[in-house]
Amino acid sequence: MKAEVLVAGQPAEAPALVLTAPISFWGGVNPKTGLIADVRHPQHGVSISGKVLCLPGTIGSSSAAAVLLELVSAGLAPAALVLHEPDAILLLGLIVAQEMGHLTPMALRLDRAEFGEFVDTKLAIGTDGTVLITR
């Protein structure tokens, strides 16, 4: 399948992490560990690092970009982000990271109806937005 590329970045091949609820990066993800820190989130304690992170939505915060930038800088970022609803503030973190010379994950937009196929799979993300299930 093909997703819309929101922010170009590195192609990826990694396990999919399909979140079952929206998340706020500010306070919801620990930038020093890459773990989901929000105790109310269904995937609390799960690492987003190195995964193809499939987000049904985000809970806004103007600091989300800073948390994502910290994750990229620390080498703890997801391998790619697949968003149902683009979040310009969050994606700003990737753009700033690129401007700072970091290799960044790609950010894609894809309908959340596709996310169900990704549970417990490994995904390959191409630079053109191609998403392949590799199992």
N, C-alpha and C. Protein backbone atom coordinates (compact mmCIF):
# COMPACT_ATOMS: atom_id res chain seq x y z
N MET A 1 0.84 -1.18 0.00
CA MET A 1 0.00 0.00 0.00
C MET A 1 0.87 1.23 0.00
N LYS A 2 0.27 2.33 -0.30
CA LYS A 2 1.04 3.57 -0.41
C LYS A 2 0.45 4.61 0.54
N ALA A 3 1.33 5.22 1.30
CA ALA A 3 0.94 6.27 2.24
C ALA A 3 1.45 7.61 1.72
N GLU A 4 0.84 8.66 2.20
CA GLU A 4 1.29 10.01 1.85
C GLU A 4 2.50 10.37 2.71
N VAL A 5 3.57 10.78 2.07
CA VAL A 5 4.77 11.18 2.82
C VAL A 5 4.55 12.60 3.35
N LEU A 6 4.58 12.73 4.67
CA LEU A 6 4.42 14.05 5.30
C LEU A 6 5.77 14.72 5.53
N VAL A 7 6.74 13.93 6.00
CA VAL A 7 8.12 14.42 6.17
C VAL A 7 9.04 13.32 5.66
N ALA A 8 9.87 13.66 4.68
CA ALA A 8 10.82 12.68 4.14
C ALA A 8 11.85 12.34 5.21
N GLY A 9 12.39 11.17 5.11
CA GLY A 9 13.40 10.73 6.07
C GLY A 9 13.98 9.41 5.64
N GLN A 10 14.49 8.68 6.60
CA GLN A 10 15.14 7.41 6.33
C GLN A 10 14.12 6.31 6.09
N PRO A 11 14.35 5.47 5.09
CA PRO A 11 13.47 4.30 4.94
C PRO A 11 13.66 3.42 6.18
N ALA A 12 12.69 2.56 6.45
CA ALA A 12 12.76 1.77 7.68
C ALA A 12 12.21 0.37 7.45
N GLU A 13 12.71 -0.55 8.24
CA GLU A 13 12.14 -1.88 8.32
C GLU A 13 12.21 -2.25 9.79
N ALA A 14 11.04 -2.34 10.41
CA ALA A 14 10.99 -2.51 11.86
C ALA A 14 9.63 -3.07 12.27
N PRO A 15 9.56 -3.58 13.50
CA PRO A 15 8.26 -4.04 14.01
C PRO A 15 7.29 -2.88 14.10
N ALA A 16 6.03 -3.17 13.83
CA ALA A 16 4.99 -2.14 13.96
C ALA A 16 4.53 -2.07 15.41
N LEU A 17 4.30 -0.88 15.87
CA LEU A 17 3.66 -0.65 17.18
C LEU A 17 2.41 0.16 16.89
N VAL A 18 1.26 -0.51 16.97
CA VAL A 18 -0.01 0.13 16.69
C VAL A 18 -0.64 0.57 18.01
N LEU A 19 -0.67 1.87 18.24
CA LEU A 19 -1.28 2.37 19.46
C LEU A 19 -2.80 2.30 19.34
N THR A 20 -3.42 1.95 20.45
CA THR A 20 -4.88 1.81 20.44
C THR A 20 -5.59 3.07 20.94
N ALA A 21 -4.80 4.06 21.33
CA ALA A 21 -5.36 5.33 21.78
C ALA A 21 -4.41 6.45 21.40
N PRO A 22 -4.93 7.64 21.18
CA PRO A 22 -4.05 8.79 20.91
C PRO A 22 -3.11 9.01 22.10
N ILE A 23 -2.02 9.71 21.82
CA ILE A 23 -1.04 9.96 22.86
C ILE A 23 -0.50 11.38 22.75
N SER A 24 -0.14 11.93 23.87
CA SER A 24 0.58 13.19 23.90
C SER A 24 2.06 12.86 24.07
N PHE A 25 2.89 13.41 23.23
CA PHE A 25 4.32 13.18 23.42
C PHE A 25 4.81 13.91 24.67
N TRP A 26 4.24 15.09 24.94
CA TRP A 26 4.63 15.83 26.13
C TRP A 26 3.99 15.18 27.36
N GLY A 27 4.79 14.50 28.13
CA GLY A 27 4.30 13.80 29.31
C GLY A 27 3.83 12.40 29.02
N GLY A 28 3.61 12.08 27.76
CA GLY A 28 3.14 10.75 27.40
C GLY A 28 4.25 9.82 26.97
N VAL A 29 5.39 10.40 26.56
CA VAL A 29 6.55 9.62 26.13
C VAL A 29 7.77 10.17 26.86
N ASN A 30 8.54 9.29 27.46
CA ASN A 30 9.74 9.71 28.16
C ASN A 30 10.86 9.89 27.14
N PRO A 31 11.36 11.12 26.93
CA PRO A 31 12.39 11.35 25.91
C PRO A 31 13.75 10.76 26.28
N LYS A 32 13.92 10.34 27.52
CA LYS A 32 15.21 9.76 27.93
C LYS A 32 15.23 8.24 27.80
N THR A 33 14.04 7.63 27.64
CA THR A 33 13.98 6.17 27.54
C THR A 33 13.24 5.68 26.29
N GLY A 34 12.38 6.53 25.72
CA GLY A 34 11.54 6.12 24.60
C GLY A 34 10.33 5.31 25.03
N LEU A 35 10.09 5.20 26.33
CA LEU A 35 8.95 4.43 26.84
C LEU A 35 7.71 5.30 26.94
N ILE A 36 6.55 4.70 26.71
CA ILE A 36 5.28 5.40 26.91
C ILE A 36 5.10 5.58 28.41
N ALA A 37 5.10 6.84 28.84
CA ALA A 37 5.12 7.18 30.26
C ALA A 37 3.74 7.47 30.83
N ASP A 38 2.77 7.71 29.97
CA ASP A 38 1.41 8.04 30.44
C ASP A 38 0.78 6.79 31.04
N VAL A 39 0.57 6.82 32.37
CA VAL A 39 0.04 5.63 33.05
C VAL A 39 -1.39 5.30 32.63
N ARG A 40 -2.09 6.25 32.03
CA ARG A 40 -3.47 6.00 31.58
C ARG A 40 -3.52 5.43 30.17
N HIS A 41 -2.39 5.43 29.47
CA HIS A 41 -2.38 4.95 28.08
C HIS A 41 -2.36 3.41 28.06
N PRO A 42 -3.15 2.79 27.16
CA PRO A 42 -3.19 1.31 27.11
C PRO A 42 -1.83 0.66 26.87
N GLN A 43 -0.91 1.35 26.22
CA GLN A 43 0.41 0.77 25.96
C GLN A 43 1.47 1.34 26.91
N HIS A 44 1.06 1.77 28.10
CA HIS A 44 2.00 2.31 29.10
C HIS A 44 3.17 1.33 29.30
N GLY A 45 4.39 1.88 29.27
CA GLY A 45 5.58 1.08 29.51
C GLY A 45 6.19 0.46 28.28
N VAL A 46 5.54 0.56 27.14
CA VAL A 46 6.05 0.00 25.89
C VAL A 46 7.01 1.01 25.25
N SER A 47 8.07 0.51 24.67
CA SER A 47 9.04 1.38 24.00
C SER A 47 8.59 1.68 22.57
N ILE A 48 8.70 2.95 22.19
CA ILE A 48 8.41 3.34 20.81
C ILE A 48 9.69 3.38 19.97
N SER A 49 10.83 3.25 20.62
CA SER A 49 12.12 3.35 19.94
C SER A 49 12.30 2.23 18.93
N GLY A 50 12.72 2.61 17.74
CA GLY A 50 13.01 1.63 16.71
C GLY A 50 11.81 0.93 16.11
N LYS A 51 10.62 1.37 16.44
CA LYS A 51 9.40 0.75 15.91
C LYS A 51 8.78 1.64 14.83
N VAL A 52 7.98 1.04 13.99
CA VAL A 52 7.13 1.85 13.11
C VAL A 52 5.91 2.19 13.93
N LEU A 53 5.85 3.42 14.39
CA LEU A 53 4.83 3.85 15.34
C LEU A 53 3.58 4.31 14.58
N CYS A 54 2.50 3.56 14.76
CA CYS A 54 1.23 3.86 14.08
C CYS A 54 0.32 4.56 15.09
N LEU A 55 0.06 5.82 14.85
CA LEU A 55 -0.67 6.67 15.78
C LEU A 55 -2.08 6.94 15.28
N PRO A 56 -3.08 6.53 16.06
CA PRO A 56 -4.45 6.85 15.67
C PRO A 56 -4.74 8.34 15.83
N GLY A 57 -3.92 9.00 16.60
CA GLY A 57 -4.07 10.44 16.83
C GLY A 57 -3.09 10.90 17.87
N THR A 58 -2.97 12.17 17.99
CA THR A 58 -2.11 12.74 19.02
C THR A 58 -2.95 13.69 19.87
N ILE A 59 -2.49 13.89 21.08
CA ILE A 59 -3.12 14.85 21.96
C ILE A 59 -2.16 16.04 21.99
N GLY A 60 -2.63 17.14 21.52
CA GLY A 60 -1.76 18.27 21.26
C GLY A 60 -1.01 18.83 22.44
N SER A 61 0.13 19.29 22.12
CA SER A 61 0.94 20.09 23.02
C SER A 61 1.99 20.75 22.16
N SER A 62 2.25 22.00 22.45
CA SER A 62 3.28 22.70 21.68
C SER A 62 4.66 22.16 21.98
N SER A 63 4.80 21.33 23.00
CA SER A 63 6.09 20.75 23.35
C SER A 63 6.32 19.39 22.71
N ALA A 64 5.34 18.87 21.98
CA ALA A 64 5.48 17.55 21.34
C ALA A 64 6.69 17.53 20.40
N ALA A 65 6.90 18.61 19.67
CA ALA A 65 8.03 18.67 18.74
C ALA A 65 9.35 18.55 19.49
N ALA A 66 9.45 19.19 20.64
CA ALA A 66 10.69 19.14 21.42
C ALA A 66 10.96 17.72 21.91
N VAL A 67 9.91 17.01 22.33
CA VAL A 67 10.10 15.64 22.80
C VAL A 67 10.56 14.75 21.65
N LEU A 68 9.94 14.90 20.48
CA LEU A 68 10.36 14.09 19.32
C LEU A 68 11.79 14.44 18.93
N LEU A 69 12.14 15.70 18.96
CA LEU A 69 13.52 16.12 18.66
C LEU A 69 14.48 15.47 19.65
N GLU A 70 14.14 15.46 20.92
CA GLU A 70 15.00 14.81 21.93
C GLU A 70 15.15 13.32 21.64
N LEU A 71 14.08 12.67 21.24
CA LEU A 71 14.15 11.24 20.92
C LEU A 71 15.08 11.00 19.74
N VAL A 72 14.97 11.84 18.71
CA VAL A 72 15.85 11.70 17.54
C VAL A 72 17.29 11.92 17.97
N SER A 73 17.53 12.98 18.73
CA SER A 73 18.89 13.33 19.16
C SER A 73 19.52 12.22 20.01
N ALA A 74 18.71 11.54 20.81
CA ALA A 74 19.21 10.49 21.69
C ALA A 74 19.26 9.12 21.02
N GLY A 75 18.83 9.03 19.76
CA GLY A 75 18.80 7.74 19.08
C GLY A 75 17.67 6.85 19.57
N LEU A 76 16.63 7.44 20.13
CA LEU A 76 15.51 6.68 20.67
C LEU A 76 14.20 6.90 19.91
N ALA A 77 14.28 7.51 18.77
CA ALA A 77 13.07 7.82 18.00
C ALA A 77 12.48 6.56 17.39
N PRO A 78 11.20 6.61 17.04
CA PRO A 78 10.64 5.52 16.25
C PRO A 78 11.38 5.41 14.90
N ALA A 79 11.33 4.24 14.29
CA ALA A 79 11.95 4.05 12.97
C ALA A 79 11.17 4.81 11.91
N ALA A 80 9.86 4.96 12.11
CA ALA A 80 8.98 5.74 11.24
C ALA A 80 7.71 6.05 12.03
N LEU A 81 7.03 7.09 11.62
CA LEU A 81 5.74 7.45 12.22
C LEU A 81 4.68 7.37 11.14
N VAL A 82 3.60 6.66 11.44
CA VAL A 82 2.46 6.58 10.53
C VAL A 82 1.27 7.17 11.28
N LEU A 83 0.81 8.30 10.80
CA LEU A 83 -0.26 9.02 11.48
C LEU A 83 -1.55 8.94 10.69
N HIS A 84 -2.64 8.81 11.43
CA HIS A 84 -3.95 8.91 10.80
C HIS A 84 -4.28 10.38 10.54
N GLU A 85 -4.01 11.20 11.53
CA GLU A 85 -4.26 12.63 11.41
C GLU A 85 -2.93 13.36 11.55
N PRO A 86 -2.47 14.04 10.52
CA PRO A 86 -1.20 14.76 10.61
C PRO A 86 -1.22 15.76 11.76
N ASP A 87 -0.12 15.84 12.48
CA ASP A 87 0.05 16.77 13.60
C ASP A 87 1.25 17.64 13.27
N ALA A 88 0.98 18.85 12.82
CA ALA A 88 2.05 19.75 12.37
C ALA A 88 3.05 20.07 13.48
N ILE A 89 2.56 20.21 14.69
CA ILE A 89 3.47 20.52 15.81
C ILE A 89 4.43 19.36 16.05
N LEU A 90 3.91 18.14 16.09
CA LEU A 90 4.78 16.97 16.30
C LEU A 90 5.80 16.86 15.17
N LEU A 91 5.34 17.02 13.94
CA LEU A 91 6.23 16.86 12.79
C LEU A 91 7.29 17.93 12.72
N LEU A 92 7.04 19.06 13.33
CA LEU A 92 8.06 20.11 13.38
C LEU A 92 9.33 19.59 14.05
N GLY A 93 9.19 18.68 14.99
CA GLY A 93 10.36 18.08 15.64
C GLY A 93 11.25 17.36 14.65
N LEU A 94 10.66 16.68 13.67
CA LEU A 94 11.45 15.99 12.65
C LEU A 94 12.16 16.99 11.74
N ILE A 95 11.45 18.03 11.38
CA ILE A 95 12.04 19.04 10.47
C ILE A 95 13.21 19.75 11.15
N VAL A 96 13.04 20.10 12.41
CA VAL A 96 14.14 20.75 13.15
C VAL A 96 15.31 19.78 13.28
N ALA A 97 15.03 18.52 13.55
CA ALA A 97 16.09 17.52 13.67
C ALA A 97 16.87 17.42 12.36
N GLN A 98 16.16 17.45 11.22
CA GLN A 98 16.84 17.42 9.93
C GLN A 98 17.71 18.65 9.76
N GLU A 99 17.19 19.80 10.13
CA GLU A 99 17.97 21.04 10.01
C GLU A 99 19.22 21.01 10.89
N MET A 100 19.14 20.25 11.98
CA MET A 100 20.29 20.11 12.88
C MET A 100 21.26 19.03 12.42
N GLY A 101 20.93 18.36 11.31
CA GLY A 101 21.83 17.37 10.73
C GLY A 101 21.60 15.94 11.18
N HIS A 102 20.52 15.68 11.90
CA HIS A 102 20.21 14.31 12.33
C HIS A 102 19.55 13.53 11.21
N LEU A 103 19.82 12.23 11.16
CA LEU A 103 19.05 11.34 10.31
C LEU A 103 17.71 11.15 11.01
N THR A 104 16.63 11.32 10.27
CA THR A 104 15.31 11.29 10.91
C THR A 104 14.43 10.21 10.31
N PRO A 105 13.49 9.73 11.12
CA PRO A 105 12.51 8.80 10.58
C PRO A 105 11.55 9.53 9.66
N MET A 106 10.92 8.76 8.79
CA MET A 106 9.89 9.33 7.91
C MET A 106 8.60 9.47 8.70
N ALA A 107 7.77 10.40 8.26
CA ALA A 107 6.42 10.52 8.79
C ALA A 107 5.46 10.39 7.62
N LEU A 108 4.47 9.52 7.81
CA LEU A 108 3.52 9.21 6.75
C LEU A 108 2.10 9.41 7.25
N ARG A 109 1.20 9.62 6.31
CA ARG A 109 -0.22 9.66 6.63
C ARG A 109 -0.89 8.49 5.95
N LEU A 110 -1.69 7.76 6.75
CA LEU A 110 -2.41 6.60 6.24
C LEU A 110 -3.69 6.47 7.04
N ASP A 111 -4.75 6.04 6.38
CA ASP A 111 -6.02 5.86 7.07
C ASP A 111 -5.87 4.83 8.18
N ARG A 112 -6.44 5.13 9.36
CA ARG A 112 -6.29 4.23 10.50
C ARG A 112 -6.95 2.87 10.27
N ALA A 113 -7.84 2.78 9.30
CA ALA A 113 -8.46 1.49 8.99
C ALA A 113 -7.40 0.47 8.56
N GLU A 114 -6.28 0.95 8.03
CA GLU A 114 -5.19 0.06 7.60
C GLU A 114 -4.37 -0.45 8.79
N PHE A 115 -4.43 0.25 9.93
CA PHE A 115 -3.56 -0.08 11.07
C PHE A 115 -3.81 -1.50 11.58
N GLY A 116 -5.05 -1.99 11.49
CA GLY A 116 -5.37 -3.31 12.02
C GLY A 116 -4.53 -4.41 11.41
N GLU A 117 -4.18 -4.25 10.14
CA GLU A 117 -3.33 -5.24 9.46
C GLU A 117 -1.92 -5.26 10.00
N PHE A 118 -1.51 -4.18 10.68
CA PHE A 118 -0.11 -4.03 11.09
C PHE A 118 0.20 -4.64 12.45
N VAL A 119 -0.83 -4.99 13.22
CA VAL A 119 -0.61 -5.53 14.57
C VAL A 119 0.23 -6.80 14.47
N ASP A 120 1.28 -6.86 15.29
CA ASP A 120 2.18 -8.02 15.36
C ASP A 120 2.86 -8.32 14.03
N THR A 121 3.19 -7.29 13.29
CA THR A 121 3.91 -7.47 12.03
C THR A 121 5.17 -6.62 12.02
N LYS A 122 5.96 -6.85 11.00
CA LYS A 122 7.13 -6.02 10.73
C LYS A 122 6.81 -5.28 9.44
N LEU A 123 7.13 -3.99 9.39
CA LEU A 123 6.82 -3.17 8.23
C LEU A 123 8.09 -2.65 7.57
N ALA A 124 8.05 -2.57 6.26
CA ALA A 124 9.11 -1.92 5.49
C ALA A 124 8.52 -0.66 4.90
N ILE A 125 9.15 0.45 5.20
CA ILE A 125 8.69 1.76 4.73
C ILE A 125 9.68 2.28 3.70
N GLY A 126 9.22 2.51 2.49
CA GLY A 126 10.08 3.03 1.43
C GLY A 126 10.05 4.55 1.39
N THR A 127 11.05 5.13 0.78
CA THR A 127 11.14 6.59 0.72
C THR A 127 9.98 7.21 -0.06
N ASP A 128 9.32 6.41 -0.91
CA ASP A 128 8.19 6.92 -1.68
C ASP A 128 6.86 6.74 -0.96
N GLY A 129 6.90 6.26 0.27
CA GLY A 129 5.68 6.05 1.04
C GLY A 129 5.10 4.65 0.92
N THR A 130 5.80 3.77 0.26
CA THR A 130 5.34 2.39 0.16
C THR A 130 5.42 1.72 1.53
N VAL A 131 4.37 1.04 1.91
CA VAL A 131 4.33 0.31 3.18
C VAL A 131 4.09 -1.16 2.86
N LEU A 132 5.06 -1.99 3.23
CA LEU A 132 4.95 -3.43 2.98
C LEU A 132 4.98 -4.17 4.31
N ILE A 133 4.09 -5.14 4.46
CA ILE A 133 4.13 -6.02 5.62
C ILE A 133 5.13 -7.12 5.30
N THR A 134 6.15 -7.27 6.16
CA THR A 134 7.20 -8.25 5.86
C THR A 134 7.14 -9.46 6.78
N ARG A 135 6.37 -9.40 7.86
CA ARG A 135 6.20 -10.48 8.87
C ARG A 135 7.51 -11.00 9.33
